[in-house]
Amino acid sequence: MVILPLSSDDIIVIAKQVGLDDVAIVAPCRLNEDARFMDDWVSRGLHGQMTYLERNREKRYDPRELVDDCRTMVIGLLTYEHSGHDYHRAVKSKLYDLYGKLAEYHPELLDGKQRIFCDSAPVLERRWAEIAGLGTIAKNHQLVHRTLGSWVHIGELMLPLALAERKADGAIHQLPCSSCSLCEDACPGKALSGEWNATRCVAYVTHKCIVCQQVCPLNNHVI
């Protein structure tokens, strides 16, 4: 029996079967505009004590520098509701399940060159999810999915096979909330005025503030 290669649509179907809430596929590239923005943002000290943002910059800007031979990025989303107490483990587990299914169709993936991340490597996760078509980054700097809102965790499966049909252009998308300022007004530390300032963000200090997501109208349909 001949096993045919999977299309992007096939991979999306399988990803949802293993429990991911949504998924998209994109070919990696260097995010030049993001690189310029982040270099300037870090140089002005707006990253606070997150010194890890000062390191591995090229790996952060270009996934191919992070993972040799990366030719496809599968970006998966899992809602807070489905993530349990350890979202890192939950997201990675489902991406490993997806990888196992893909390897049934592409045995060459069993060479072990795939990599799986969830908030655990220098990857611009929200931007890649946006580029892949899973949503848009809002003023509160969260990825907002069209039906899941911003209550999602993001993970990446990086593969050495060229499976992606969507090509990344690196463009920064227009905000869906240009006329709204609810998150900026509600932010306890006023960290969202103009651009995100980590030194004023309560979540940066305590990891317990989600006010900017709670007041976002784009989350109304999922609260």
N, C-alpha and C. Protein backbone atom coordinates (compact mmCIF):
# COMPACT_ATOMS: atom_id res chain seq x y z
N MET A 1 0.85 -1.20 0.00
CA MET A 1 0.00 0.00 0.00
C MET A 1 0.88 1.25 0.00
N VAL A 2 0.58 2.17 -0.89
CA VAL A 2 1.33 3.42 -0.97
C VAL A 2 0.67 4.46 -0.06
N ILE A 3 1.47 5.05 0.83
CA ILE A 3 0.96 6.09 1.72
C ILE A 3 1.27 7.46 1.10
N LEU A 4 0.25 8.20 0.80
CA LEU A 4 0.43 9.49 0.16
C LEU A 4 0.82 10.55 1.18
N PRO A 5 1.64 11.52 0.78
CA PRO A 5 2.01 12.63 1.67
C PRO A 5 0.78 13.40 2.10
N LEU A 6 0.85 14.01 3.26
CA LEU A 6 -0.27 14.77 3.80
C LEU A 6 -0.26 16.19 3.27
N SER A 7 -1.44 16.73 3.06
CA SER A 7 -1.58 18.14 2.73
C SER A 7 -1.70 18.94 4.02
N SER A 8 -1.64 20.26 3.91
CA SER A 8 -1.82 21.11 5.07
C SER A 8 -3.19 20.88 5.70
N ASP A 9 -4.22 20.71 4.87
CA ASP A 9 -5.57 20.48 5.39
C ASP A 9 -5.64 19.16 6.16
N ASP A 10 -4.94 18.14 5.66
CA ASP A 10 -4.91 16.85 6.35
C ASP A 10 -4.30 17.00 7.74
N ILE A 11 -3.21 17.76 7.82
CA ILE A 11 -2.51 17.95 9.09
C ILE A 11 -3.39 18.69 10.08
N ILE A 12 -4.14 19.65 9.60
CA ILE A 12 -5.05 20.39 10.48
C ILE A 12 -6.13 19.48 11.04
N VAL A 13 -6.66 18.61 10.20
CA VAL A 13 -7.68 17.66 10.67
C VAL A 13 -7.10 16.75 11.74
N ILE A 14 -5.91 16.21 11.51
CA ILE A 14 -5.28 15.30 12.48
C ILE A 14 -4.98 16.04 13.77
N ALA A 15 -4.51 17.27 13.68
CA ALA A 15 -4.19 18.06 14.87
C ALA A 15 -5.41 18.23 15.76
N LYS A 16 -6.55 18.47 15.15
CA LYS A 16 -7.76 18.63 15.95
C LYS A 16 -8.21 17.30 16.53
N GLN A 17 -7.92 16.21 15.82
CA GLN A 17 -8.26 14.88 16.34
C GLN A 17 -7.46 14.55 17.60
N VAL A 18 -6.23 15.03 17.70
CA VAL A 18 -5.41 14.74 18.88
C VAL A 18 -5.69 15.71 20.02
N GLY A 19 -6.58 16.68 19.79
CA GLY A 19 -7.02 17.53 20.89
C GLY A 19 -6.59 18.97 20.87
N LEU A 20 -5.89 19.40 19.84
CA LEU A 20 -5.57 20.81 19.74
C LEU A 20 -6.81 21.58 19.31
N ASP A 21 -6.98 22.80 19.84
CA ASP A 21 -8.18 23.57 19.53
C ASP A 21 -8.11 24.24 18.17
N ASP A 22 -6.92 24.54 17.70
CA ASP A 22 -6.75 25.01 16.33
C ASP A 22 -5.28 24.87 15.98
N VAL A 23 -4.99 24.88 14.71
CA VAL A 23 -3.62 24.70 14.25
C VAL A 23 -3.49 25.33 12.88
N ALA A 24 -2.30 25.76 12.56
CA ALA A 24 -2.00 26.28 11.22
C ALA A 24 -0.56 25.96 10.90
N ILE A 25 -0.23 26.03 9.63
CA ILE A 25 1.09 25.63 9.16
C ILE A 25 1.70 26.77 8.36
N VAL A 26 2.99 27.00 8.58
CA VAL A 26 3.64 28.11 7.90
C VAL A 26 5.11 27.76 7.67
N ALA A 27 5.68 28.30 6.61
CA ALA A 27 7.10 28.12 6.33
C ALA A 27 7.89 29.21 7.07
N PRO A 28 9.00 28.86 7.72
CA PRO A 28 9.76 29.84 8.51
C PRO A 28 10.54 30.81 7.64
N CYS A 29 10.84 31.96 8.21
CA CYS A 29 11.69 32.96 7.57
C CYS A 29 12.25 33.84 8.68
N ARG A 30 13.08 34.81 8.33
CA ARG A 30 13.56 35.77 9.32
C ARG A 30 12.55 36.91 9.41
N LEU A 31 12.14 37.25 10.64
CA LEU A 31 11.16 38.31 10.84
C LEU A 31 11.90 39.64 11.01
N ASN A 32 12.18 40.28 9.89
CA ASN A 32 13.03 41.47 9.89
C ASN A 32 12.42 42.64 10.65
N GLU A 33 11.12 42.89 10.44
CA GLU A 33 10.48 44.01 11.13
C GLU A 33 10.44 43.77 12.63
N ASP A 34 10.15 42.55 13.03
CA ASP A 34 10.12 42.23 14.46
C ASP A 34 11.51 42.36 15.07
N ALA A 35 12.53 41.98 14.32
CA ALA A 35 13.90 42.10 14.81
C ALA A 35 14.25 43.55 15.10
N ARG A 36 13.88 44.44 14.18
CA ARG A 36 14.17 45.85 14.40
C ARG A 36 13.39 46.39 15.59
N PHE A 37 12.11 45.99 15.70
CA PHE A 37 11.29 46.47 16.82
C PHE A 37 11.85 45.98 18.15
N MET A 38 12.16 44.68 18.25
CA MET A 38 12.62 44.12 19.52
C MET A 38 13.99 44.65 19.92
N ASP A 39 14.88 44.83 18.95
CA ASP A 39 16.20 45.39 19.26
C ASP A 39 16.06 46.78 19.88
N ASP A 40 15.16 47.59 19.33
CA ASP A 40 14.93 48.92 19.87
C ASP A 40 14.26 48.85 21.24
N TRP A 41 13.25 47.98 21.38
CA TRP A 41 12.51 47.83 22.64
C TRP A 41 13.43 47.41 23.77
N VAL A 42 14.28 46.44 23.51
CA VAL A 42 15.22 45.96 24.53
C VAL A 42 16.26 47.02 24.84
N SER A 43 16.72 47.74 23.83
CA SER A 43 17.76 48.76 24.05
C SER A 43 17.27 49.87 24.97
N ARG A 44 15.95 50.07 25.03
CA ARG A 44 15.38 51.11 25.90
C ARG A 44 15.00 50.56 27.27
N GLY A 45 15.31 49.29 27.53
CA GLY A 45 15.10 48.72 28.85
C GLY A 45 13.67 48.40 29.19
N LEU A 46 12.78 48.34 28.18
CA LEU A 46 11.38 48.08 28.45
C LEU A 46 11.11 46.61 28.78
N HIS A 47 12.12 45.76 28.65
CA HIS A 47 11.98 44.34 28.98
C HIS A 47 12.26 44.05 30.45
N GLY A 48 12.61 45.08 31.22
CA GLY A 48 12.84 44.91 32.65
C GLY A 48 13.99 43.96 32.92
N GLN A 49 13.75 43.00 33.82
CA GLN A 49 14.78 42.04 34.21
C GLN A 49 14.76 40.76 33.37
N MET A 50 13.99 40.77 32.28
CA MET A 50 13.95 39.58 31.41
C MET A 50 15.18 39.56 30.51
N THR A 51 16.33 39.32 31.14
CA THR A 51 17.60 39.40 30.42
C THR A 51 17.73 38.34 29.33
N TYR A 52 16.91 37.29 29.41
CA TYR A 52 16.97 36.26 28.36
C TYR A 52 16.60 36.84 27.00
N LEU A 53 15.87 37.96 26.99
CA LEU A 53 15.51 38.58 25.73
C LEU A 53 16.70 39.26 25.05
N GLU A 54 17.77 39.44 25.82
CA GLU A 54 18.98 40.03 25.26
C GLU A 54 19.85 38.99 24.57
N ARG A 55 19.54 37.70 24.80
CA ARG A 55 20.35 36.62 24.25
C ARG A 55 19.61 35.92 23.11
N ASN A 56 20.35 35.15 22.34
CA ASN A 56 19.77 34.31 21.28
C ASN A 56 18.88 35.09 20.33
N ARG A 57 19.27 36.29 19.99
CA ARG A 57 18.38 37.14 19.19
C ARG A 57 18.15 36.59 17.79
N GLU A 58 19.18 36.13 17.13
CA GLU A 58 18.98 35.61 15.78
C GLU A 58 18.11 34.36 15.79
N LYS A 59 18.26 33.54 16.83
CA LYS A 59 17.39 32.37 16.96
C LYS A 59 15.95 32.80 17.17
N ARG A 60 15.76 33.89 17.88
CA ARG A 60 14.41 34.39 18.14
C ARG A 60 13.79 34.95 16.87
N TYR A 61 14.59 35.58 16.04
CA TYR A 61 14.07 36.23 14.85
C TYR A 61 13.91 35.27 13.67
N ASP A 62 14.68 34.17 13.68
CA ASP A 62 14.63 33.23 12.56
C ASP A 62 14.65 31.80 13.10
N PRO A 63 13.52 31.08 13.04
CA PRO A 63 13.46 29.72 13.58
C PRO A 63 14.47 28.77 12.95
N ARG A 64 14.94 29.08 11.76
CA ARG A 64 15.92 28.22 11.11
C ARG A 64 17.28 28.30 11.77
N GLU A 65 17.50 29.39 12.54
CA GLU A 65 18.72 29.50 13.33
C GLU A 65 18.60 28.71 14.63
N LEU A 66 17.37 28.49 15.08
CA LEU A 66 17.12 27.73 16.30
C LEU A 66 17.13 26.24 16.04
N VAL A 67 16.50 25.83 14.95
CA VAL A 67 16.38 24.41 14.60
C VAL A 67 16.93 24.20 13.20
N ASP A 68 18.04 23.48 13.12
CA ASP A 68 18.64 23.19 11.81
C ASP A 68 17.64 22.47 10.91
N ASP A 69 17.60 22.88 9.67
CA ASP A 69 16.76 22.23 8.66
C ASP A 69 15.27 22.41 8.90
N CYS A 70 14.88 23.36 9.73
CA CYS A 70 13.44 23.61 9.92
C CYS A 70 12.86 24.17 8.62
N ARG A 71 11.88 23.46 8.09
CA ARG A 71 11.25 23.89 6.84
C ARG A 71 9.75 24.10 6.99
N THR A 72 9.19 23.60 8.08
CA THR A 72 7.77 23.78 8.34
C THR A 72 7.56 24.01 9.83
N MET A 73 6.70 24.97 10.15
CA MET A 73 6.28 25.20 11.54
C MET A 73 4.79 24.89 11.64
N VAL A 74 4.45 23.97 12.51
CA VAL A 74 3.05 23.69 12.82
C VAL A 74 2.75 24.41 14.12
N ILE A 75 1.89 25.41 14.07
CA ILE A 75 1.55 26.22 15.23
C ILE A 75 0.23 25.73 15.81
N GLY A 76 0.25 25.26 17.05
CA GLY A 76 -0.95 24.72 17.68
C GLY A 76 -1.45 25.60 18.81
N LEU A 77 -2.77 25.65 18.98
CA LEU A 77 -3.39 26.39 20.07
C LEU A 77 -4.17 25.44 20.96
N LEU A 78 -4.08 25.68 22.27
CA LEU A 78 -4.86 24.94 23.24
C LEU A 78 -5.44 25.94 24.22
N THR A 79 -6.76 25.91 24.43
CA THR A 79 -7.39 26.87 25.31
C THR A 79 -7.00 26.64 26.76
N TYR A 80 -7.13 27.69 27.56
CA TYR A 80 -6.87 27.57 28.99
C TYR A 80 -7.71 26.43 29.58
N GLU A 81 -8.95 26.34 29.13
CA GLU A 81 -9.88 25.33 29.64
C GLU A 81 -9.37 23.91 29.44
N HIS A 82 -8.67 23.68 28.33
CA HIS A 82 -8.20 22.33 28.00
C HIS A 82 -6.75 22.08 28.39
N SER A 83 -6.12 23.07 29.05
CA SER A 83 -4.69 22.96 29.34
C SER A 83 -4.36 22.39 30.71
N GLY A 84 -5.34 22.38 31.62
CA GLY A 84 -5.06 21.87 32.96
C GLY A 84 -4.12 22.77 33.74
N HIS A 85 -3.44 22.20 34.73
CA HIS A 85 -2.57 23.00 35.60
C HIS A 85 -1.20 23.25 34.99
N ASP A 86 -0.78 22.41 34.05
CA ASP A 86 0.54 22.56 33.43
C ASP A 86 0.37 22.68 31.92
N TYR A 87 0.23 23.90 31.45
CA TYR A 87 -0.05 24.08 30.02
C TYR A 87 1.14 23.68 29.16
N HIS A 88 2.38 23.84 29.68
CA HIS A 88 3.55 23.42 28.91
C HIS A 88 3.44 21.94 28.55
N ARG A 89 3.14 21.13 29.56
CA ARG A 89 3.05 19.69 29.34
C ARG A 89 1.86 19.34 28.45
N ALA A 90 0.74 20.01 28.67
CA ALA A 90 -0.47 19.70 27.90
C ALA A 90 -0.28 19.99 26.42
N VAL A 91 0.26 21.17 26.11
CA VAL A 91 0.45 21.55 24.72
C VAL A 91 1.49 20.64 24.05
N LYS A 92 2.61 20.43 24.73
CA LYS A 92 3.67 19.59 24.15
C LYS A 92 3.17 18.17 23.94
N SER A 93 2.39 17.65 24.88
CA SER A 93 1.87 16.28 24.75
C SER A 93 1.04 16.13 23.48
N LYS A 94 0.19 17.10 23.21
CA LYS A 94 -0.65 17.00 22.02
C LYS A 94 0.16 17.19 20.74
N LEU A 95 1.20 18.02 20.80
CA LEU A 95 2.06 18.17 19.63
C LEU A 95 2.88 16.91 19.38
N TYR A 96 3.28 16.22 20.45
CA TYR A 96 3.96 14.93 20.27
C TYR A 96 3.01 13.90 19.66
N ASP A 97 1.76 13.93 20.10
CA ASP A 97 0.77 13.03 19.50
C ASP A 97 0.61 13.33 18.02
N LEU A 98 0.57 14.60 17.68
CA LEU A 98 0.47 15.01 16.29
C LEU A 98 1.69 14.53 15.50
N TYR A 99 2.87 14.72 16.08
CA TYR A 99 4.09 14.27 15.42
C TYR A 99 4.04 12.78 15.14
N GLY A 100 3.57 11.99 16.11
CA GLY A 100 3.47 10.56 15.92
C GLY A 100 2.56 10.20 14.76
N LYS A 101 1.45 10.90 14.63
CA LYS A 101 0.53 10.65 13.52
C LYS A 101 1.17 11.03 12.18
N LEU A 102 1.88 12.16 12.16
CA LEU A 102 2.52 12.60 10.92
C LEU A 102 3.59 11.62 10.48
N ALA A 103 4.29 11.04 11.46
CA ALA A 103 5.37 10.09 11.13
C ALA A 103 4.84 8.82 10.49
N GLU A 104 3.55 8.52 10.72
CA GLU A 104 2.96 7.36 10.06
C GLU A 104 2.88 7.57 8.54
N TYR A 105 2.73 8.83 8.14
CA TYR A 105 2.64 9.16 6.73
C TYR A 105 4.00 9.56 6.15
N HIS A 106 4.87 10.07 7.02
CA HIS A 106 6.20 10.52 6.62
C HIS A 106 7.24 9.84 7.51
N PRO A 107 7.59 8.57 7.25
CA PRO A 107 8.53 7.83 8.11
C PRO A 107 9.87 8.52 8.26
N GLU A 108 10.23 9.38 7.31
CA GLU A 108 11.51 10.08 7.41
C GLU A 108 11.56 11.01 8.61
N LEU A 109 10.39 11.35 9.17
CA LEU A 109 10.36 12.19 10.36
C LEU A 109 10.90 11.46 11.59
N LEU A 110 11.02 10.16 11.51
CA LEU A 110 11.50 9.39 12.65
C LEU A 110 13.00 9.55 12.88
N ASP A 111 13.66 10.40 12.06
CA ASP A 111 15.09 10.63 12.26
C ASP A 111 15.37 11.48 13.49
N GLY A 112 14.30 11.98 14.12
CA GLY A 112 14.46 12.70 15.38
C GLY A 112 14.84 14.16 15.25
N LYS A 113 14.75 14.71 14.05
CA LYS A 113 15.14 16.11 13.86
C LYS A 113 14.03 17.10 14.17
N GLN A 114 12.84 16.60 14.49
CA GLN A 114 11.75 17.51 14.85
C GLN A 114 12.01 18.10 16.24
N ARG A 115 11.45 19.27 16.48
CA ARG A 115 11.56 19.90 17.80
C ARG A 115 10.18 20.44 18.18
N ILE A 116 9.87 20.39 19.47
CA ILE A 116 8.58 20.84 19.98
C ILE A 116 8.82 21.83 21.11
N PHE A 117 8.12 22.96 21.05
CA PHE A 117 8.29 24.01 22.05
C PHE A 117 6.92 24.53 22.51
N CYS A 118 6.89 25.00 23.74
CA CYS A 118 5.73 25.74 24.26
C CYS A 118 6.24 26.66 25.36
N ASP A 119 6.45 27.91 25.02
CA ASP A 119 6.94 28.88 25.99
C ASP A 119 8.24 28.40 26.61
N SER A 120 9.07 27.73 25.81
CA SER A 120 10.28 27.11 26.36
C SER A 120 11.51 27.31 25.49
N ALA A 121 11.44 28.20 24.52
CA ALA A 121 12.57 28.45 23.61
C ALA A 121 12.43 29.86 23.04
N PRO A 122 13.52 30.40 22.50
CA PRO A 122 13.45 31.74 21.92
C PRO A 122 12.68 31.75 20.60
N VAL A 123 11.36 31.73 20.71
CA VAL A 123 10.47 31.74 19.54
C VAL A 123 9.45 32.86 19.74
N LEU A 124 9.22 33.65 18.73
CA LEU A 124 8.19 34.69 18.79
C LEU A 124 6.84 34.04 18.52
N GLU A 125 6.32 33.38 19.55
CA GLU A 125 5.16 32.50 19.38
C GLU A 125 3.91 33.23 18.89
N ARG A 126 3.61 34.35 19.48
CA ARG A 126 2.39 35.06 19.10
C ARG A 126 2.48 35.58 17.67
N ARG A 127 3.66 36.07 17.30
CA ARG A 127 3.82 36.56 15.93
C ARG A 127 3.68 35.43 14.92
N TRP A 128 4.27 34.26 15.23
CA TRP A 128 4.16 33.15 14.29
C TRP A 128 2.73 32.65 14.19
N ALA A 129 2.02 32.65 15.32
CA ALA A 129 0.61 32.27 15.27
C ALA A 129 -0.18 33.26 14.42
N GLU A 130 0.16 34.53 14.54
CA GLU A 130 -0.50 35.56 13.74
C GLU A 130 -0.17 35.38 12.26
N ILE A 131 1.08 35.19 11.94
CA ILE A 131 1.50 35.01 10.56
C ILE A 131 0.85 33.78 9.94
N ALA A 132 0.70 32.73 10.75
CA ALA A 132 0.10 31.49 10.26
C ALA A 132 -1.39 31.63 10.03
N GLY A 133 -1.99 32.73 10.50
CA GLY A 133 -3.40 32.96 10.26
C GLY A 133 -4.32 32.54 11.39
N LEU A 134 -3.76 32.34 12.60
CA LEU A 134 -4.56 31.89 13.73
C LEU A 134 -5.19 33.03 14.52
N GLY A 135 -4.88 34.25 14.20
CA GLY A 135 -5.45 35.37 14.93
C GLY A 135 -4.63 36.62 14.71
N THR A 136 -4.85 37.61 15.56
CA THR A 136 -4.15 38.88 15.48
C THR A 136 -3.70 39.30 16.86
N ILE A 137 -2.54 39.91 16.95
CA ILE A 137 -2.05 40.40 18.23
C ILE A 137 -2.75 41.72 18.54
N ALA A 138 -3.41 41.76 19.69
CA ALA A 138 -4.21 42.93 20.07
C ALA A 138 -3.37 43.91 20.89
N LYS A 139 -4.00 44.99 21.34
CA LYS A 139 -3.29 46.01 22.11
C LYS A 139 -2.76 45.48 23.43
N ASN A 140 -3.40 44.45 23.96
CA ASN A 140 -2.90 43.87 25.21
C ASN A 140 -1.76 42.89 24.95
N HIS A 141 -1.32 42.83 23.69
CA HIS A 141 -0.19 42.00 23.27
C HIS A 141 -0.47 40.51 23.35
N GLN A 142 -1.74 40.14 23.43
CA GLN A 142 -2.13 38.74 23.40
C GLN A 142 -2.61 38.39 21.99
N LEU A 143 -2.40 37.14 21.60
CA LEU A 143 -2.98 36.68 20.35
C LEU A 143 -4.47 36.49 20.54
N VAL A 144 -5.27 37.09 19.67
CA VAL A 144 -6.73 36.95 19.74
C VAL A 144 -7.19 36.09 18.57
N HIS A 145 -7.70 34.92 18.89
CA HIS A 145 -8.23 34.00 17.89
C HIS A 145 -9.66 34.40 17.57
N ARG A 146 -10.11 34.15 16.34
CA ARG A 146 -11.43 34.62 15.91
C ARG A 146 -12.58 34.01 16.71
N THR A 147 -12.42 32.80 17.24
CA THR A 147 -13.49 32.17 18.03
C THR A 147 -13.06 31.83 19.45
N LEU A 148 -11.78 31.67 19.70
CA LEU A 148 -11.30 31.28 21.03
C LEU A 148 -10.90 32.47 21.87
N GLY A 149 -10.90 33.66 21.29
CA GLY A 149 -10.45 34.83 22.02
C GLY A 149 -8.95 34.73 22.30
N SER A 150 -8.53 35.33 23.42
CA SER A 150 -7.10 35.30 23.76
C SER A 150 -6.78 34.29 24.85
N TRP A 151 -7.77 33.47 25.22
CA TRP A 151 -7.55 32.48 26.27
C TRP A 151 -6.92 31.22 25.68
N VAL A 152 -5.74 31.38 25.08
CA VAL A 152 -5.09 30.25 24.42
C VAL A 152 -3.60 30.21 24.76
N HIS A 153 -3.06 28.99 24.79
CA HIS A 153 -1.63 28.78 24.86
C HIS A 153 -1.15 28.33 23.49
N ILE A 154 0.11 28.67 23.17
CA ILE A 154 0.65 28.44 21.84
C ILE A 154 1.83 27.48 21.93
N GLY A 155 1.90 26.55 20.98
CA GLY A 155 3.05 25.65 20.89
C GLY A 155 3.46 25.47 19.45
N GLU A 156 4.69 24.98 19.25
CA GLU A 156 5.22 24.84 17.90
C GLU A 156 5.83 23.44 17.71
N LEU A 157 5.52 22.86 16.58
CA LEU A 157 6.17 21.64 16.11
C LEU A 157 6.97 22.03 14.87
N MET A 158 8.29 21.94 14.98
CA MET A 158 9.16 22.32 13.86
C MET A 158 9.67 21.07 13.17
N LEU A 159 9.47 21.03 11.85
CA LEU A 159 9.76 19.83 11.07
C LEU A 159 10.76 20.11 9.96
N PRO A 160 11.55 19.09 9.58
CA PRO A 160 12.52 19.26 8.50
C PRO A 160 11.94 19.02 7.11
N LEU A 161 10.63 18.86 7.02
CA LEU A 161 9.98 18.65 5.73
C LEU A 161 9.24 19.90 5.28
N ALA A 162 9.21 20.14 3.98
CA ALA A 162 8.49 21.29 3.43
C ALA A 162 7.03 20.90 3.22
N LEU A 163 6.21 21.14 4.25
CA LEU A 163 4.79 20.80 4.18
C LEU A 163 3.90 22.03 4.11
N ALA A 164 4.47 23.18 4.41
CA ALA A 164 3.65 24.39 4.53
C ALA A 164 3.25 24.93 3.17
N GLU A 165 2.00 25.42 3.12
CA GLU A 165 1.52 26.07 1.91
C GLU A 165 1.45 27.59 2.09
N ARG A 166 1.33 28.04 3.33
CA ARG A 166 1.32 29.48 3.61
C ARG A 166 2.76 29.95 3.78
N LYS A 167 3.14 30.99 3.07
CA LYS A 167 4.48 31.54 3.16
C LYS A 167 4.46 32.77 4.07
N ALA A 168 5.41 32.80 4.99
CA ALA A 168 5.49 33.95 5.90
C ALA A 168 6.04 35.15 5.16
N ASP A 169 5.40 36.33 5.36
CA ASP A 169 5.91 37.54 4.74
C ASP A 169 6.56 38.46 5.76
N GLY A 170 6.39 38.15 7.05
CA GLY A 170 7.02 38.94 8.09
C GLY A 170 6.35 40.27 8.35
N ALA A 171 5.24 40.56 7.67
CA ALA A 171 4.56 41.85 7.84
C ALA A 171 3.87 41.93 9.19
N ILE A 172 3.84 43.10 9.78
CA ILE A 172 3.15 43.32 11.03
C ILE A 172 1.70 43.69 10.72
N HIS A 173 0.76 42.92 11.26
CA HIS A 173 -0.64 43.08 10.92
C HIS A 173 -1.27 44.27 11.65
N GLN A 174 -2.34 44.80 11.07
CA GLN A 174 -3.07 45.90 11.69
C GLN A 174 -3.85 45.39 12.88
N LEU A 175 -3.85 46.16 13.96
CA LEU A 175 -4.57 45.77 15.16
C LEU A 175 -6.08 45.75 14.91
N PRO A 176 -6.80 44.80 15.55
CA PRO A 176 -8.25 44.76 15.40
C PRO A 176 -8.94 45.68 16.39
N CYS A 177 -8.17 46.44 17.15
CA CYS A 177 -8.74 47.20 18.27
C CYS A 177 -8.22 48.63 18.29
N SER A 178 -7.97 49.21 17.14
CA SER A 178 -7.35 50.53 17.08
C SER A 178 -8.19 51.61 17.73
N SER A 179 -9.52 51.45 17.76
CA SER A 179 -10.39 52.47 18.34
C SER A 179 -10.80 52.17 19.78
N CYS A 180 -10.24 51.10 20.36
CA CYS A 180 -10.60 50.69 21.72
C CYS A 180 -9.40 50.86 22.64
N SER A 181 -9.65 51.30 23.87
CA SER A 181 -8.57 51.48 24.84
C SER A 181 -8.90 50.86 26.20
N LEU A 182 -9.86 49.90 26.23
CA LEU A 182 -10.28 49.33 27.51
C LEU A 182 -9.14 48.65 28.26
N CYS A 183 -8.31 47.89 27.55
CA CYS A 183 -7.20 47.20 28.23
C CYS A 183 -6.18 48.20 28.74
N GLU A 184 -5.91 49.23 27.96
CA GLU A 184 -4.96 50.26 28.40
C GLU A 184 -5.47 50.99 29.64
N ASP A 185 -6.76 51.31 29.62
CA ASP A 185 -7.34 52.03 30.75
C ASP A 185 -7.42 51.17 32.01
N ALA A 186 -7.66 49.86 31.83
CA ALA A 186 -7.86 48.98 32.98
C ALA A 186 -6.56 48.45 33.56
N CYS A 187 -5.47 48.52 32.82
CA CYS A 187 -4.19 47.96 33.27
C CYS A 187 -3.77 48.60 34.60
N PRO A 188 -3.62 47.81 35.67
CA PRO A 188 -3.28 48.36 36.99
C PRO A 188 -1.96 49.14 37.01
N GLY A 189 -1.00 48.69 36.22
CA GLY A 189 0.31 49.35 36.22
C GLY A 189 0.52 50.30 35.07
N LYS A 190 -0.53 50.51 34.26
CA LYS A 190 -0.43 51.36 33.07
C LYS A 190 0.72 50.91 32.17
N ALA A 191 0.85 49.60 32.02
CA ALA A 191 1.95 49.04 31.24
C ALA A 191 1.68 49.04 29.74
N LEU A 192 0.42 49.30 29.34
CA LEU A 192 0.04 49.19 27.93
C LEU A 192 -0.08 50.53 27.24
N SER A 193 0.26 51.60 27.91
CA SER A 193 0.12 52.93 27.32
C SER A 193 1.19 53.14 26.25
N GLY A 194 0.80 53.03 25.01
CA GLY A 194 1.71 53.20 23.89
C GLY A 194 2.33 51.89 23.45
N GLU A 195 3.10 51.27 24.30
CA GLU A 195 3.70 49.97 24.03
C GLU A 195 3.92 49.27 25.36
N TRP A 196 4.02 47.95 25.31
CA TRP A 196 4.11 47.19 26.55
C TRP A 196 5.42 47.47 27.27
N ASN A 197 5.30 47.90 28.54
CA ASN A 197 6.46 48.16 29.38
C ASN A 197 6.46 47.13 30.49
N ALA A 198 7.34 46.14 30.40
CA ALA A 198 7.35 45.04 31.36
C ALA A 198 7.57 45.51 32.79
N THR A 199 8.28 46.60 32.97
CA THR A 199 8.58 47.06 34.32
C THR A 199 7.34 47.57 35.04
N ARG A 200 6.26 47.83 34.29
CA ARG A 200 5.02 48.30 34.90
C ARG A 200 3.92 47.23 34.93
N CYS A 201 4.21 46.07 34.37
CA CYS A 201 3.20 45.01 34.24
C CYS A 201 3.11 44.18 35.52
N VAL A 202 1.92 44.11 36.10
CA VAL A 202 1.72 43.35 37.33
C VAL A 202 1.98 41.86 37.09
N ALA A 203 1.57 41.35 35.93
CA ALA A 203 1.78 39.93 35.62
C ALA A 203 3.26 39.61 35.51
N TYR A 204 4.06 40.56 35.08
CA TYR A 204 5.50 40.38 34.98
C TYR A 204 6.11 40.14 36.36
N VAL A 205 5.51 40.77 37.37
CA VAL A 205 6.03 40.66 38.74
C VAL A 205 5.40 39.50 39.49
N THR A 206 4.07 39.32 39.34
CA THR A 206 3.36 38.34 40.18
C THR A 206 2.84 37.14 39.40
N HIS A 207 2.77 37.23 38.07
CA HIS A 207 2.22 36.17 37.20
C HIS A 207 0.73 35.93 37.48
N LYS A 208 0.04 36.90 38.07
CA LYS A 208 -1.35 36.66 38.48
C LYS A 208 -2.35 37.64 37.89
N CYS A 209 -1.92 38.56 37.07
CA CYS A 209 -2.84 39.57 36.54
C CYS A 209 -3.27 39.22 35.13
N ILE A 210 -4.58 39.19 34.90
CA ILE A 210 -5.13 38.95 33.55
C ILE A 210 -6.21 39.98 33.23
N VAL A 211 -6.13 41.14 33.87
CA VAL A 211 -7.14 42.18 33.69
C VAL A 211 -7.29 42.56 32.22
N CYS A 212 -6.17 42.66 31.50
CA CYS A 212 -6.24 43.11 30.10
C CYS A 212 -6.99 42.11 29.22
N GLN A 213 -7.03 40.85 29.63
CA GLN A 213 -7.81 39.86 28.89
C GLN A 213 -9.27 39.86 29.34
N GLN A 214 -9.48 40.10 30.62
CA GLN A 214 -10.84 40.09 31.15
C GLN A 214 -11.70 41.20 30.59
N VAL A 215 -11.10 42.37 30.32
CA VAL A 215 -11.89 43.51 29.85
C VAL A 215 -11.96 43.58 28.33
N CYS A 216 -11.22 42.73 27.63
CA CYS A 216 -11.16 42.81 26.17
C CYS A 216 -12.49 42.38 25.55
N PRO A 217 -13.12 43.25 24.76
CA PRO A 217 -14.38 42.89 24.10
C PRO A 217 -14.24 41.71 23.15
N LEU A 218 -13.03 41.48 22.65
CA LEU A 218 -12.82 40.36 21.74
C LEU A 218 -12.91 39.02 22.45
N ASN A 219 -12.97 39.06 23.79
CA ASN A 219 -13.14 37.84 24.58
C ASN A 219 -14.58 37.64 25.06
N ASN A 220 -15.46 38.61 24.77
CA ASN A 220 -16.82 38.56 25.31
C ASN A 220 -17.55 37.27 24.97
N HIS A 221 -17.33 36.73 23.80
CA HIS A 221 -18.09 35.57 23.35
C HIS A 221 -17.55 34.26 23.94
N VAL A 222 -16.42 34.32 24.66
CA VAL A 222 -15.87 33.09 25.23
C VAL A 222 -15.77 33.13 26.74
N ILE A 223 -16.11 34.25 27.35
CA ILE A 223 -16.05 34.38 28.82
C ILE A 223 -17.23 33.66 29.44
